[in-house]
N, C-alpha and C. Protein backbone atom coordinates (compact mmCIF):
# COMPACT_ATOMS: atom_id res chain seq x y z
N UNK A 1 0.00 -14.15 -9.72
CA UNK A 1 1.09 -13.31 -10.17
C UNK A 1 2.42 -13.95 -9.79
N UNK A 2 3.31 -14.11 -10.76
CA UNK A 2 4.61 -14.67 -10.46
C UNK A 2 5.54 -13.57 -9.97
N UNK A 3 6.33 -13.87 -8.94
CA UNK A 3 7.17 -12.85 -8.33
C UNK A 3 8.16 -12.25 -9.32
N UNK A 4 8.69 -13.07 -10.26
CA UNK A 4 9.69 -12.58 -11.19
C UNK A 4 9.17 -11.45 -12.06
N UNK A 5 7.87 -11.46 -12.37
CA UNK A 5 7.30 -10.41 -13.18
C UNK A 5 7.14 -9.10 -12.41
N UNK A 6 7.24 -9.15 -11.10
CA UNK A 6 7.02 -7.96 -10.28
C UNK A 6 8.32 -7.36 -9.76
N UNK A 7 9.48 -7.91 -10.16
CA UNK A 7 10.74 -7.45 -9.59
C UNK A 7 10.98 -5.98 -9.88
N UNK A 8 10.88 -5.57 -11.17
CA UNK A 8 11.13 -4.18 -11.49
C UNK A 8 10.16 -3.24 -10.82
N UNK A 9 8.82 -3.49 -10.88
CA UNK A 9 7.92 -2.61 -10.15
C UNK A 9 8.21 -2.55 -8.66
N UNK A 10 8.61 -3.66 -8.06
CA UNK A 10 8.90 -3.66 -6.64
C UNK A 10 10.11 -2.80 -6.32
N UNK A 11 11.16 -2.89 -7.15
CA UNK A 11 12.34 -2.07 -6.93
C UNK A 11 11.99 -0.60 -7.04
N UNK A 12 11.20 -0.24 -8.07
CA UNK A 12 10.78 1.14 -8.21
C UNK A 12 9.94 1.59 -7.02
N UNK A 13 9.09 0.68 -6.54
CA UNK A 13 8.24 1.01 -5.39
C UNK A 13 9.05 1.27 -4.15
N UNK A 14 10.05 0.45 -3.91
CA UNK A 14 10.90 0.67 -2.74
C UNK A 14 11.44 2.09 -2.72
N UNK A 15 11.92 2.55 -3.87
CA UNK A 15 12.54 3.87 -3.92
C UNK A 15 11.49 4.96 -3.89
N UNK A 16 10.44 4.80 -4.70
CA UNK A 16 9.49 5.89 -4.85
C UNK A 16 8.58 6.07 -3.66
N UNK A 17 8.34 5.05 -2.86
CA UNK A 17 7.40 5.15 -1.75
C UNK A 17 7.95 5.93 -0.57
N UNK A 18 9.09 6.57 -0.73
CA UNK A 18 9.61 7.43 0.33
C UNK A 18 8.68 8.60 0.62
N UNK A 19 7.87 8.98 -0.36
CA UNK A 19 6.92 10.05 -0.12
C UNK A 19 7.09 11.18 -1.10
N UNK A 20 6.07 12.02 -1.21
CA UNK A 20 6.08 13.11 -2.16
C UNK A 20 7.23 14.07 -1.91
N UNK A 21 7.97 14.36 -2.99
CA UNK A 21 9.00 15.38 -2.91
C UNK A 21 10.28 14.96 -2.22
N UNK A 22 10.51 13.68 -1.97
CA UNK A 22 11.74 13.25 -1.31
C UNK A 22 12.87 13.14 -2.32
N UNK A 23 14.03 13.72 -2.02
CA UNK A 23 15.19 13.61 -2.89
C UNK A 23 15.95 12.36 -2.52
N UNK A 24 16.11 11.44 -3.47
CA UNK A 24 16.73 10.16 -3.17
C UNK A 24 18.09 9.97 -3.83
N UNK A 25 18.46 10.79 -4.78
CA UNK A 25 19.77 10.65 -5.42
C UNK A 25 20.13 11.97 -6.07
N UNK A 26 21.43 12.16 -6.31
CA UNK A 26 21.89 13.38 -6.95
C UNK A 26 23.10 13.08 -7.82
N UNK A 27 23.13 13.69 -9.02
CA UNK A 27 24.26 13.53 -9.92
C UNK A 27 25.31 14.59 -9.68
N UNK A 28 24.89 15.76 -9.26
CA UNK A 28 25.80 16.84 -8.89
C UNK A 28 25.06 17.74 -7.93
N UNK A 29 25.76 18.59 -7.19
CA UNK A 29 25.09 19.44 -6.21
C UNK A 29 23.92 20.20 -6.82
N UNK A 30 22.76 20.11 -6.17
CA UNK A 30 21.58 20.81 -6.63
C UNK A 30 20.66 19.98 -7.49
N UNK A 31 21.18 18.85 -8.05
CA UNK A 31 20.35 18.00 -8.89
C UNK A 31 19.89 16.80 -8.09
N UNK A 32 18.67 16.33 -8.33
CA UNK A 32 18.18 15.17 -7.62
C UNK A 32 17.01 14.54 -8.34
N UNK A 33 16.66 13.34 -7.93
CA UNK A 33 15.49 12.65 -8.44
C UNK A 33 14.40 12.77 -7.38
N UNK A 34 13.30 13.35 -7.78
CA UNK A 34 12.19 13.51 -6.85
C UNK A 34 11.14 12.45 -7.14
N UNK A 35 10.65 11.81 -6.09
CA UNK A 35 9.68 10.72 -6.24
C UNK A 35 8.44 11.01 -5.40
N UNK A 36 7.31 10.44 -5.83
CA UNK A 36 6.04 10.76 -5.20
C UNK A 36 5.22 9.48 -5.02
N UNK A 37 4.64 9.30 -3.85
CA UNK A 37 3.73 8.19 -3.60
C UNK A 37 2.35 8.74 -3.32
N UNK A 38 1.41 8.48 -4.23
CA UNK A 38 0.08 9.08 -4.14
C UNK A 38 -0.98 7.99 -3.99
N UNK A 39 -1.80 8.10 -2.93
CA UNK A 39 -2.87 7.14 -2.66
C UNK A 39 -4.22 7.72 -3.06
N UNK A 40 -5.09 6.86 -3.56
CA UNK A 40 -6.50 7.23 -3.70
C UNK A 40 -7.35 6.07 -3.17
N UNK A 41 -8.39 6.41 -2.45
CA UNK A 41 -9.31 5.42 -1.89
C UNK A 41 -10.72 5.80 -2.27
N UNK A 42 -11.41 4.87 -2.92
CA UNK A 42 -12.81 5.07 -3.26
C UNK A 42 -13.68 4.10 -2.45
N UNK A 43 -14.75 4.62 -1.92
CA UNK A 43 -15.74 3.80 -1.23
C UNK A 43 -16.97 3.72 -2.13
N UNK A 44 -17.42 2.49 -2.41
CA UNK A 44 -18.56 2.29 -3.31
C UNK A 44 -19.59 1.38 -2.66
N UNK A 45 -20.84 1.63 -2.98
CA UNK A 45 -21.92 0.76 -2.54
C UNK A 45 -21.86 -0.57 -3.31
N UNK A 46 -22.55 -1.59 -2.82
CA UNK A 46 -22.53 -2.89 -3.51
C UNK A 46 -22.97 -2.81 -4.97
N UNK A 47 -23.82 -1.81 -5.32
CA UNK A 47 -24.27 -1.67 -6.71
C UNK A 47 -23.28 -0.90 -7.57
N UNK A 48 -22.12 -0.52 -6.98
CA UNK A 48 -21.10 0.21 -7.73
C UNK A 48 -21.17 1.71 -7.60
N UNK A 49 -22.22 2.24 -7.00
CA UNK A 49 -22.36 3.68 -6.84
C UNK A 49 -21.27 4.28 -5.96
N UNK A 50 -20.68 5.39 -6.40
CA UNK A 50 -19.59 6.02 -5.67
C UNK A 50 -20.11 6.75 -4.44
N UNK A 51 -19.50 6.46 -3.28
CA UNK A 51 -19.84 7.13 -2.03
C UNK A 51 -18.85 8.25 -1.73
N UNK A 52 -17.57 7.97 -1.87
CA UNK A 52 -16.56 9.00 -1.63
C UNK A 52 -15.29 8.68 -2.39
N UNK A 53 -14.55 9.73 -2.73
CA UNK A 53 -13.24 9.60 -3.38
C UNK A 53 -12.26 10.43 -2.57
N UNK A 54 -11.14 9.80 -2.16
CA UNK A 54 -10.20 10.44 -1.24
C UNK A 54 -8.78 10.29 -1.78
N UNK A 55 -7.98 11.35 -1.73
CA UNK A 55 -6.61 11.32 -2.22
C UNK A 55 -5.67 11.95 -1.20
N UNK A 56 -4.44 11.40 -1.12
CA UNK A 56 -3.43 11.92 -0.20
C UNK A 56 -2.08 11.33 -0.55
N UNK A 57 -1.02 11.93 0.01
CA UNK A 57 0.35 11.46 -0.19
C UNK A 57 0.77 10.60 1.00
N UNK A 58 1.73 9.68 0.76
CA UNK A 58 2.25 8.86 1.86
C UNK A 58 3.61 9.39 2.32
N UNK A 59 4.14 8.76 3.37
CA UNK A 59 5.47 9.08 3.88
C UNK A 59 6.14 7.78 4.30
N UNK A 60 7.45 7.78 4.33
CA UNK A 60 8.21 6.62 4.78
C UNK A 60 7.90 6.35 6.25
N UNK A 61 7.59 5.08 6.57
CA UNK A 61 7.33 4.72 7.96
C UNK A 61 8.59 4.94 8.79
N UNK A 62 8.51 5.69 9.90
CA UNK A 62 9.71 5.94 10.71
C UNK A 62 10.40 4.64 11.11
N UNK A 63 11.69 4.64 11.06
CA UNK A 63 12.54 3.52 11.48
C UNK A 63 12.40 2.30 10.57
N UNK A 64 11.25 1.62 10.59
CA UNK A 64 11.14 0.37 9.85
C UNK A 64 11.17 0.59 8.34
N UNK A 65 10.67 1.72 7.86
CA UNK A 65 10.73 2.00 6.43
C UNK A 65 12.14 2.14 5.94
N UNK A 66 12.97 2.82 6.73
CA UNK A 66 14.38 2.97 6.36
C UNK A 66 15.11 1.63 6.39
N UNK A 67 14.76 0.79 7.37
CA UNK A 67 15.37 -0.55 7.45
C UNK A 67 14.99 -1.37 6.22
N UNK A 68 13.72 -1.31 5.82
CA UNK A 68 13.27 -2.06 4.64
C UNK A 68 13.98 -1.59 3.39
N UNK A 69 14.11 -0.28 3.22
CA UNK A 69 14.78 0.26 2.05
C UNK A 69 16.25 -0.11 2.00
N UNK A 70 16.93 0.01 3.14
CA UNK A 70 18.35 -0.33 3.17
C UNK A 70 18.57 -1.82 2.97
N UNK A 71 17.60 -2.64 3.40
CA UNK A 71 17.70 -4.09 3.18
C UNK A 71 17.67 -4.41 1.69
N UNK A 72 16.78 -3.74 0.97
CA UNK A 72 16.68 -3.97 -0.47
C UNK A 72 17.93 -3.52 -1.20
N UNK A 73 18.45 -2.35 -0.80
CA UNK A 73 19.57 -1.75 -1.52
C UNK A 73 20.93 -2.19 -0.98
N UNK A 74 20.94 -3.11 0.00
CA UNK A 74 22.19 -3.57 0.59
C UNK A 74 22.85 -4.68 -0.21
N UNK A 75 23.43 -5.65 0.48
CA UNK A 75 24.15 -6.74 -0.17
C UNK A 75 23.19 -7.53 -1.05
N UNK A 76 23.49 -7.69 -2.36
CA UNK A 76 22.59 -8.43 -3.25
C UNK A 76 22.30 -9.83 -2.73
N UNK A 77 21.02 -10.17 -2.72
CA UNK A 77 20.62 -11.51 -2.30
C UNK A 77 20.40 -11.67 -0.81
N UNK A 78 20.79 -10.67 -0.02
CA UNK A 78 20.64 -10.79 1.43
C UNK A 78 19.17 -10.77 1.84
N UNK A 79 18.38 -9.90 1.20
CA UNK A 79 16.96 -9.80 1.49
C UNK A 79 16.19 -9.88 0.18
N UNK A 80 15.18 -10.72 0.15
CA UNK A 80 14.33 -10.88 -1.02
C UNK A 80 12.89 -10.66 -0.62
N UNK A 81 12.16 -9.89 -1.41
CA UNK A 81 10.76 -9.62 -1.11
C UNK A 81 9.92 -10.85 -1.41
N UNK A 82 9.15 -11.28 -0.43
CA UNK A 82 8.20 -12.36 -0.62
C UNK A 82 6.87 -11.84 -1.11
N UNK A 83 6.38 -10.78 -0.49
CA UNK A 83 5.11 -10.19 -0.89
C UNK A 83 4.95 -8.81 -0.26
N UNK A 84 3.97 -8.08 -0.75
CA UNK A 84 3.61 -6.78 -0.20
C UNK A 84 2.24 -6.85 0.43
N UNK A 85 1.96 -5.93 1.31
CA UNK A 85 0.63 -5.80 1.91
C UNK A 85 0.25 -4.32 1.95
N UNK A 86 -1.01 -4.04 1.76
CA UNK A 86 -1.58 -2.73 2.06
C UNK A 86 -2.53 -2.91 3.22
N UNK A 87 -2.51 -1.98 4.17
CA UNK A 87 -3.38 -2.07 5.34
C UNK A 87 -4.21 -0.80 5.49
N UNK A 88 -5.49 -0.99 5.86
CA UNK A 88 -6.40 0.10 6.17
C UNK A 88 -6.85 -0.09 7.60
N UNK A 89 -6.71 0.94 8.43
CA UNK A 89 -7.05 0.75 9.84
C UNK A 89 -7.82 1.94 10.38
N UNK A 90 -8.43 1.71 11.56
CA UNK A 90 -9.24 2.73 12.20
C UNK A 90 -8.67 3.15 13.53
N UNK A 91 -9.54 3.45 14.49
CA UNK A 91 -9.10 3.94 15.79
C UNK A 91 -8.18 2.93 16.47
N UNK A 92 -7.11 3.43 17.06
CA UNK A 92 -6.15 2.56 17.74
C UNK A 92 -4.99 2.12 16.87
N UNK A 93 -4.95 2.58 15.61
CA UNK A 93 -3.82 2.24 14.75
C UNK A 93 -3.94 0.85 14.14
N UNK A 94 -2.83 0.35 13.63
CA UNK A 94 -2.86 -0.89 12.87
C UNK A 94 -3.26 -2.09 13.72
N UNK A 95 -3.07 -2.01 15.02
CA UNK A 95 -3.48 -3.10 15.91
C UNK A 95 -4.80 -2.83 16.62
N UNK A 96 -5.50 -1.79 16.16
CA UNK A 96 -6.77 -1.43 16.79
C UNK A 96 -7.97 -1.84 15.95
N UNK A 97 -8.96 -0.97 15.90
CA UNK A 97 -10.18 -1.25 15.16
C UNK A 97 -9.99 -1.03 13.67
N UNK A 98 -10.99 -1.45 12.88
CA UNK A 98 -10.95 -1.26 11.45
C UNK A 98 -12.26 -1.73 10.84
N UNK A 99 -12.46 -1.48 9.54
CA UNK A 99 -13.73 -1.85 8.90
C UNK A 99 -13.85 -3.32 8.53
N UNK A 100 -12.81 -4.13 8.77
CA UNK A 100 -12.88 -5.55 8.44
C UNK A 100 -13.10 -6.40 9.69
N UNK A 101 -13.17 -7.73 9.53
CA UNK A 101 -13.59 -8.59 10.63
C UNK A 101 -12.70 -9.81 10.77
N UNK A 102 -12.39 -10.16 12.03
CA UNK A 102 -11.69 -11.40 12.36
C UNK A 102 -12.25 -11.91 13.67
N UNK A 103 -12.66 -13.16 13.70
CA UNK A 103 -13.25 -13.76 14.90
C UNK A 103 -14.41 -12.94 15.42
N UNK A 104 -15.13 -12.29 14.51
CA UNK A 104 -16.33 -11.55 14.89
C UNK A 104 -16.10 -10.15 15.40
N UNK A 105 -14.84 -9.69 15.43
CA UNK A 105 -14.55 -8.36 15.96
C UNK A 105 -13.97 -7.47 14.88
N UNK A 106 -14.05 -6.16 15.11
CA UNK A 106 -13.55 -5.15 14.18
C UNK A 106 -12.02 -5.12 14.18
N UNK A 107 -11.42 -5.22 12.98
CA UNK A 107 -9.96 -5.21 12.85
C UNK A 107 -9.58 -4.46 11.57
N UNK A 108 -8.26 -4.24 11.41
CA UNK A 108 -7.77 -3.61 10.18
C UNK A 108 -8.00 -4.52 8.99
N UNK A 109 -7.97 -3.93 7.79
CA UNK A 109 -8.12 -4.68 6.55
C UNK A 109 -6.76 -4.87 5.89
N UNK A 110 -6.52 -6.05 5.35
CA UNK A 110 -5.27 -6.33 4.66
C UNK A 110 -5.52 -6.67 3.20
N UNK A 111 -4.69 -6.11 2.32
CA UNK A 111 -4.73 -6.43 0.89
C UNK A 111 -3.41 -7.10 0.55
N UNK A 112 -3.45 -8.33 0.05
CA UNK A 112 -2.24 -9.10 -0.21
C UNK A 112 -2.25 -9.63 -1.63
N UNK A 113 -1.10 -10.15 -2.07
CA UNK A 113 -0.96 -10.73 -3.39
C UNK A 113 -1.82 -12.00 -3.50
N UNK A 114 -2.38 -12.27 -4.67
CA UNK A 114 -3.19 -13.49 -4.83
C UNK A 114 -2.45 -14.78 -4.54
N UNK A 115 -1.12 -14.75 -4.57
CA UNK A 115 -0.34 -15.95 -4.29
C UNK A 115 -0.25 -16.27 -2.80
N UNK A 116 -0.65 -15.32 -1.95
CA UNK A 116 -0.56 -15.51 -0.50
C UNK A 116 -1.77 -16.30 -0.01
N UNK A 117 -1.54 -17.44 0.67
CA UNK A 117 -2.68 -18.22 1.18
C UNK A 117 -3.39 -17.47 2.30
N UNK A 118 -4.71 -17.52 2.29
CA UNK A 118 -5.52 -16.86 3.32
C UNK A 118 -6.31 -17.94 4.06
N UNK A 119 -6.14 -17.98 5.38
CA UNK A 119 -6.83 -18.97 6.20
C UNK A 119 -8.34 -18.72 6.17
N UNK A 120 -9.10 -19.78 6.36
CA UNK A 120 -10.57 -19.68 6.32
C UNK A 120 -11.10 -18.65 7.31
N UNK A 121 -10.45 -18.52 8.46
CA UNK A 121 -10.91 -17.58 9.47
C UNK A 121 -10.54 -16.15 9.19
N UNK A 122 -9.75 -15.91 8.12
CA UNK A 122 -9.28 -14.55 7.84
C UNK A 122 -9.88 -13.95 6.57
N UNK A 123 -10.85 -14.64 5.95
CA UNK A 123 -11.34 -14.19 4.65
C UNK A 123 -12.09 -12.86 4.72
N UNK A 124 -12.53 -12.45 5.90
CA UNK A 124 -13.21 -11.15 6.05
C UNK A 124 -12.24 -10.06 6.49
N UNK A 125 -10.95 -10.40 6.61
CA UNK A 125 -9.93 -9.40 6.96
C UNK A 125 -8.85 -9.29 5.90
N UNK A 126 -8.40 -10.41 5.36
CA UNK A 126 -7.31 -10.43 4.39
C UNK A 126 -7.88 -10.72 3.00
N UNK A 127 -7.64 -9.81 2.06
CA UNK A 127 -8.20 -9.92 0.72
C UNK A 127 -7.08 -10.05 -0.31
N UNK A 128 -7.00 -11.17 -1.03
CA UNK A 128 -5.91 -11.39 -2.00
C UNK A 128 -6.19 -10.72 -3.34
N UNK A 129 -6.28 -9.40 -3.33
CA UNK A 129 -6.65 -8.64 -4.53
C UNK A 129 -5.56 -7.69 -5.00
N UNK A 130 -4.36 -7.81 -4.44
CA UNK A 130 -3.26 -6.89 -4.77
C UNK A 130 -2.80 -7.10 -6.21
N UNK A 131 -2.56 -6.02 -6.93
CA UNK A 131 -2.05 -6.10 -8.31
C UNK A 131 -1.07 -4.97 -8.56
N UNK A 132 -0.07 -5.24 -9.41
CA UNK A 132 0.92 -4.25 -9.82
C UNK A 132 0.75 -3.96 -11.30
N UNK A 133 1.03 -2.72 -11.70
CA UNK A 133 0.96 -2.36 -13.10
C UNK A 133 1.87 -1.17 -13.36
N UNK A 134 2.67 -1.25 -14.43
CA UNK A 134 3.42 -0.08 -14.87
C UNK A 134 2.55 0.68 -15.84
N UNK A 135 2.52 2.00 -15.69
CA UNK A 135 1.64 2.82 -16.52
C UNK A 135 2.34 4.10 -16.94
N UNK A 136 1.76 4.75 -17.93
CA UNK A 136 2.29 6.02 -18.40
C UNK A 136 1.72 7.16 -17.58
N UNK A 137 2.54 8.12 -17.24
CA UNK A 137 2.08 9.30 -16.52
C UNK A 137 1.32 10.21 -17.47
N UNK A 138 0.67 11.22 -16.92
CA UNK A 138 -0.06 12.17 -17.75
C UNK A 138 0.88 13.03 -18.60
N UNK A 139 2.16 13.09 -18.20
CA UNK A 139 3.10 13.95 -18.91
C UNK A 139 3.69 13.29 -20.16
N UNK A 140 3.58 11.96 -20.30
CA UNK A 140 4.21 11.31 -21.44
C UNK A 140 3.64 9.94 -21.67
N UNK A 141 4.10 9.30 -22.75
CA UNK A 141 3.57 8.01 -23.12
C UNK A 141 4.40 6.83 -22.66
N UNK A 142 5.52 7.07 -21.96
CA UNK A 142 6.37 5.97 -21.52
C UNK A 142 5.86 5.40 -20.20
N UNK A 143 6.23 4.14 -19.91
CA UNK A 143 5.80 3.49 -18.68
C UNK A 143 6.70 3.95 -17.53
N UNK A 144 6.34 5.08 -16.92
CA UNK A 144 7.21 5.71 -15.93
C UNK A 144 6.59 5.81 -14.56
N UNK A 145 5.48 5.13 -14.32
CA UNK A 145 4.89 5.07 -12.98
C UNK A 145 4.56 3.62 -12.64
N UNK A 146 4.42 3.37 -11.33
CA UNK A 146 4.00 2.05 -10.84
C UNK A 146 2.68 2.23 -10.09
N UNK A 147 1.68 1.45 -10.47
CA UNK A 147 0.39 1.47 -9.79
C UNK A 147 0.20 0.18 -8.99
N UNK A 148 -0.22 0.33 -7.76
CA UNK A 148 -0.52 -0.80 -6.89
C UNK A 148 -1.99 -0.67 -6.48
N UNK A 149 -2.79 -1.69 -6.75
CA UNK A 149 -4.22 -1.60 -6.50
C UNK A 149 -4.73 -2.80 -5.73
N UNK A 150 -5.90 -2.66 -5.15
CA UNK A 150 -6.56 -3.76 -4.45
C UNK A 150 -7.86 -3.27 -3.85
N UNK A 151 -8.64 -4.19 -3.31
CA UNK A 151 -9.91 -3.79 -2.71
C UNK A 151 -10.29 -4.73 -1.59
N UNK A 152 -11.15 -4.23 -0.69
CA UNK A 152 -11.67 -5.01 0.43
C UNK A 152 -13.16 -4.72 0.56
N UNK A 153 -13.85 -5.52 1.35
CA UNK A 153 -15.26 -5.30 1.64
C UNK A 153 -15.43 -5.06 3.14
N UNK A 154 -16.12 -3.98 3.49
CA UNK A 154 -16.28 -3.62 4.90
C UNK A 154 -17.28 -4.53 5.60
N UNK A 155 -16.89 -5.01 6.78
CA UNK A 155 -17.79 -5.78 7.64
C UNK A 155 -18.30 -4.96 8.81
N UNK A 156 -17.64 -3.81 9.07
CA UNK A 156 -18.04 -2.92 10.15
C UNK A 156 -18.04 -1.48 9.64
N UNK A 157 -18.90 -0.66 10.20
CA UNK A 157 -18.96 0.76 9.86
C UNK A 157 -17.93 1.51 10.70
N UNK A 158 -16.67 1.09 10.56
CA UNK A 158 -15.57 1.69 11.32
C UNK A 158 -14.77 2.60 10.38
N UNK A 159 -14.68 3.91 10.68
CA UNK A 159 -13.98 4.83 9.78
C UNK A 159 -12.50 4.44 9.60
N UNK A 160 -12.00 4.70 8.41
CA UNK A 160 -10.57 4.50 8.12
C UNK A 160 -9.83 5.75 8.55
N UNK A 161 -8.88 5.59 9.46
CA UNK A 161 -8.11 6.73 9.96
C UNK A 161 -6.66 6.71 9.50
N UNK A 162 -6.22 5.62 8.89
CA UNK A 162 -4.84 5.55 8.44
C UNK A 162 -4.61 4.38 7.50
N UNK A 163 -3.47 4.44 6.80
CA UNK A 163 -3.10 3.39 5.85
C UNK A 163 -1.63 3.07 6.01
N UNK A 164 -1.24 1.91 5.52
CA UNK A 164 0.16 1.50 5.60
C UNK A 164 0.46 0.53 4.48
N UNK A 165 1.69 0.60 3.95
CA UNK A 165 2.20 -0.46 3.08
C UNK A 165 3.27 -1.20 3.85
N UNK A 166 3.33 -2.53 3.66
CA UNK A 166 4.25 -3.37 4.43
C UNK A 166 4.93 -4.37 3.50
N UNK A 167 6.13 -4.79 3.88
CA UNK A 167 6.92 -5.72 3.09
C UNK A 167 7.17 -6.99 3.87
N UNK A 168 6.86 -8.12 3.26
CA UNK A 168 7.19 -9.42 3.83
C UNK A 168 8.42 -9.95 3.11
N UNK A 169 9.53 -10.17 3.85
CA UNK A 169 10.74 -10.71 3.26
C UNK A 169 10.73 -12.23 3.36
N UNK A 170 11.51 -12.88 2.50
CA UNK A 170 11.55 -14.35 2.50
C UNK A 170 12.16 -14.91 3.76
N UNK A 171 12.90 -14.10 4.53
CA UNK A 171 13.46 -14.59 5.79
C UNK A 171 12.45 -14.53 6.94
N UNK A 172 11.21 -14.12 6.62
CA UNK A 172 10.14 -14.10 7.61
C UNK A 172 9.87 -12.76 8.24
N UNK A 173 10.75 -11.78 8.06
CA UNK A 173 10.54 -10.47 8.67
C UNK A 173 9.49 -9.68 7.91
N UNK A 174 8.66 -8.94 8.66
CA UNK A 174 7.62 -8.08 8.10
C UNK A 174 7.91 -6.66 8.53
N UNK A 175 8.07 -5.76 7.56
CA UNK A 175 8.43 -4.38 7.86
C UNK A 175 7.38 -3.40 7.34
N UNK A 176 6.98 -2.46 8.19
CA UNK A 176 6.19 -1.34 7.69
C UNK A 176 7.06 -0.50 6.80
N UNK A 177 6.52 -0.07 5.65
CA UNK A 177 7.34 0.69 4.70
C UNK A 177 6.88 2.14 4.58
N UNK A 178 5.64 2.35 4.16
CA UNK A 178 5.11 3.72 4.09
C UNK A 178 3.76 3.77 4.78
N UNK A 179 3.40 4.95 5.28
CA UNK A 179 2.12 5.06 5.97
C UNK A 179 1.60 6.49 5.94
N UNK A 180 0.38 6.65 6.41
CA UNK A 180 -0.22 7.97 6.52
C UNK A 180 -1.37 7.92 7.51
N UNK A 181 -1.37 8.81 8.48
CA UNK A 181 -2.52 9.04 9.35
C UNK A 181 -3.35 10.12 8.69
N UNK A 182 -4.61 9.85 8.45
CA UNK A 182 -5.45 10.75 7.67
C UNK A 182 -5.94 11.94 8.51
N UNK A 183 -5.93 13.12 7.90
CA UNK A 183 -6.44 14.31 8.57
C UNK A 183 -7.95 14.22 8.75
N UNK A 184 -8.63 13.60 7.77
CA UNK A 184 -10.07 13.41 7.83
C UNK A 184 -10.37 11.93 7.62
N UNK A 185 -11.08 11.31 8.55
CA UNK A 185 -11.39 9.89 8.45
C UNK A 185 -12.28 9.61 7.24
N UNK A 186 -12.13 8.42 6.69
CA UNK A 186 -12.97 7.98 5.57
C UNK A 186 -14.09 7.12 6.13
N UNK A 187 -15.32 7.57 5.94
CA UNK A 187 -16.47 6.86 6.49
C UNK A 187 -16.86 5.69 5.58
N UNK A 188 -17.20 4.56 6.18
CA UNK A 188 -17.66 3.39 5.42
C UNK A 188 -18.87 2.78 6.12
N UNK A 189 -19.63 2.00 5.36
CA UNK A 189 -20.78 1.28 5.90
C UNK A 189 -20.61 -0.20 5.61
N UNK A 190 -21.31 -1.01 6.37
CA UNK A 190 -21.22 -2.46 6.21
C UNK A 190 -21.61 -2.85 4.77
N UNK A 191 -20.79 -3.68 4.14
CA UNK A 191 -21.06 -4.15 2.80
C UNK A 191 -20.48 -3.30 1.69
N UNK A 192 -20.00 -2.11 2.01
CA UNK A 192 -19.40 -1.28 0.97
C UNK A 192 -18.03 -1.81 0.57
N UNK A 193 -17.66 -1.57 -0.69
CA UNK A 193 -16.36 -1.95 -1.22
C UNK A 193 -15.42 -0.76 -1.12
N UNK A 194 -14.18 -1.05 -0.72
CA UNK A 194 -13.16 -0.01 -0.58
C UNK A 194 -12.06 -0.31 -1.58
N UNK A 195 -11.90 0.57 -2.56
CA UNK A 195 -10.91 0.39 -3.63
C UNK A 195 -9.71 1.28 -3.36
N UNK A 196 -8.52 0.68 -3.37
CA UNK A 196 -7.30 1.39 -3.05
C UNK A 196 -6.38 1.39 -4.26
N UNK A 197 -5.78 2.54 -4.55
CA UNK A 197 -4.76 2.65 -5.60
C UNK A 197 -3.61 3.52 -5.09
N UNK A 198 -2.39 3.01 -5.22
CA UNK A 198 -1.20 3.78 -4.88
C UNK A 198 -0.40 3.95 -6.15
N UNK A 199 -0.06 5.18 -6.50
CA UNK A 199 0.70 5.47 -7.71
C UNK A 199 2.03 6.11 -7.31
N UNK A 200 3.12 5.48 -7.73
CA UNK A 200 4.45 6.01 -7.47
C UNK A 200 5.03 6.54 -8.76
N UNK A 201 5.49 7.81 -8.73
CA UNK A 201 5.98 8.45 -9.93
C UNK A 201 7.27 9.21 -9.65
N UNK A 202 7.93 9.64 -10.72
CA UNK A 202 9.23 10.30 -10.63
C UNK A 202 9.20 11.65 -11.36
N UNK A 203 10.00 12.59 -10.87
CA UNK A 203 10.11 13.87 -11.56
C UNK A 203 11.52 14.43 -11.38
């Protein structure tokens, strides 16, 4: 995926990933643009059979999410997005356990753009399956939503307790953008595929 083709979806994502029902702009008192970030996670067996389907809304990551958003909307050219990441994690948060594997131990799972190089030792943790797509909402035929998708394969039967989206800037900084701690953990088994879709829409 070439970065230039993803500029518009990325800009829309920055704004819309603030979370469901967030007012981000107003033309006059009482009027505003409401945006929604909706996640769905499906767990499937290796044969494709559906194990579970889970849906929830995200929220802006405290502190770092606001910094990431202001960086994008600040001085033109000051910050440029290099890539995005989606993370799935288990007990202990993003630096704790997870259903993926690194150096033989349980760690969080990362979904990155296919253009991002993945070291040989990270192939069971970092999956270059991230994709962007503009799509039409159920309310109309125009391309008014942004879909972000990807998938990973579980190496450990470690429940998913939270998710996060992160931004890698070209200056080397990595910022958490949106996240969610799940009210109910998502159970997985070794070898199962975990399919993630985030849909950002406007109303």
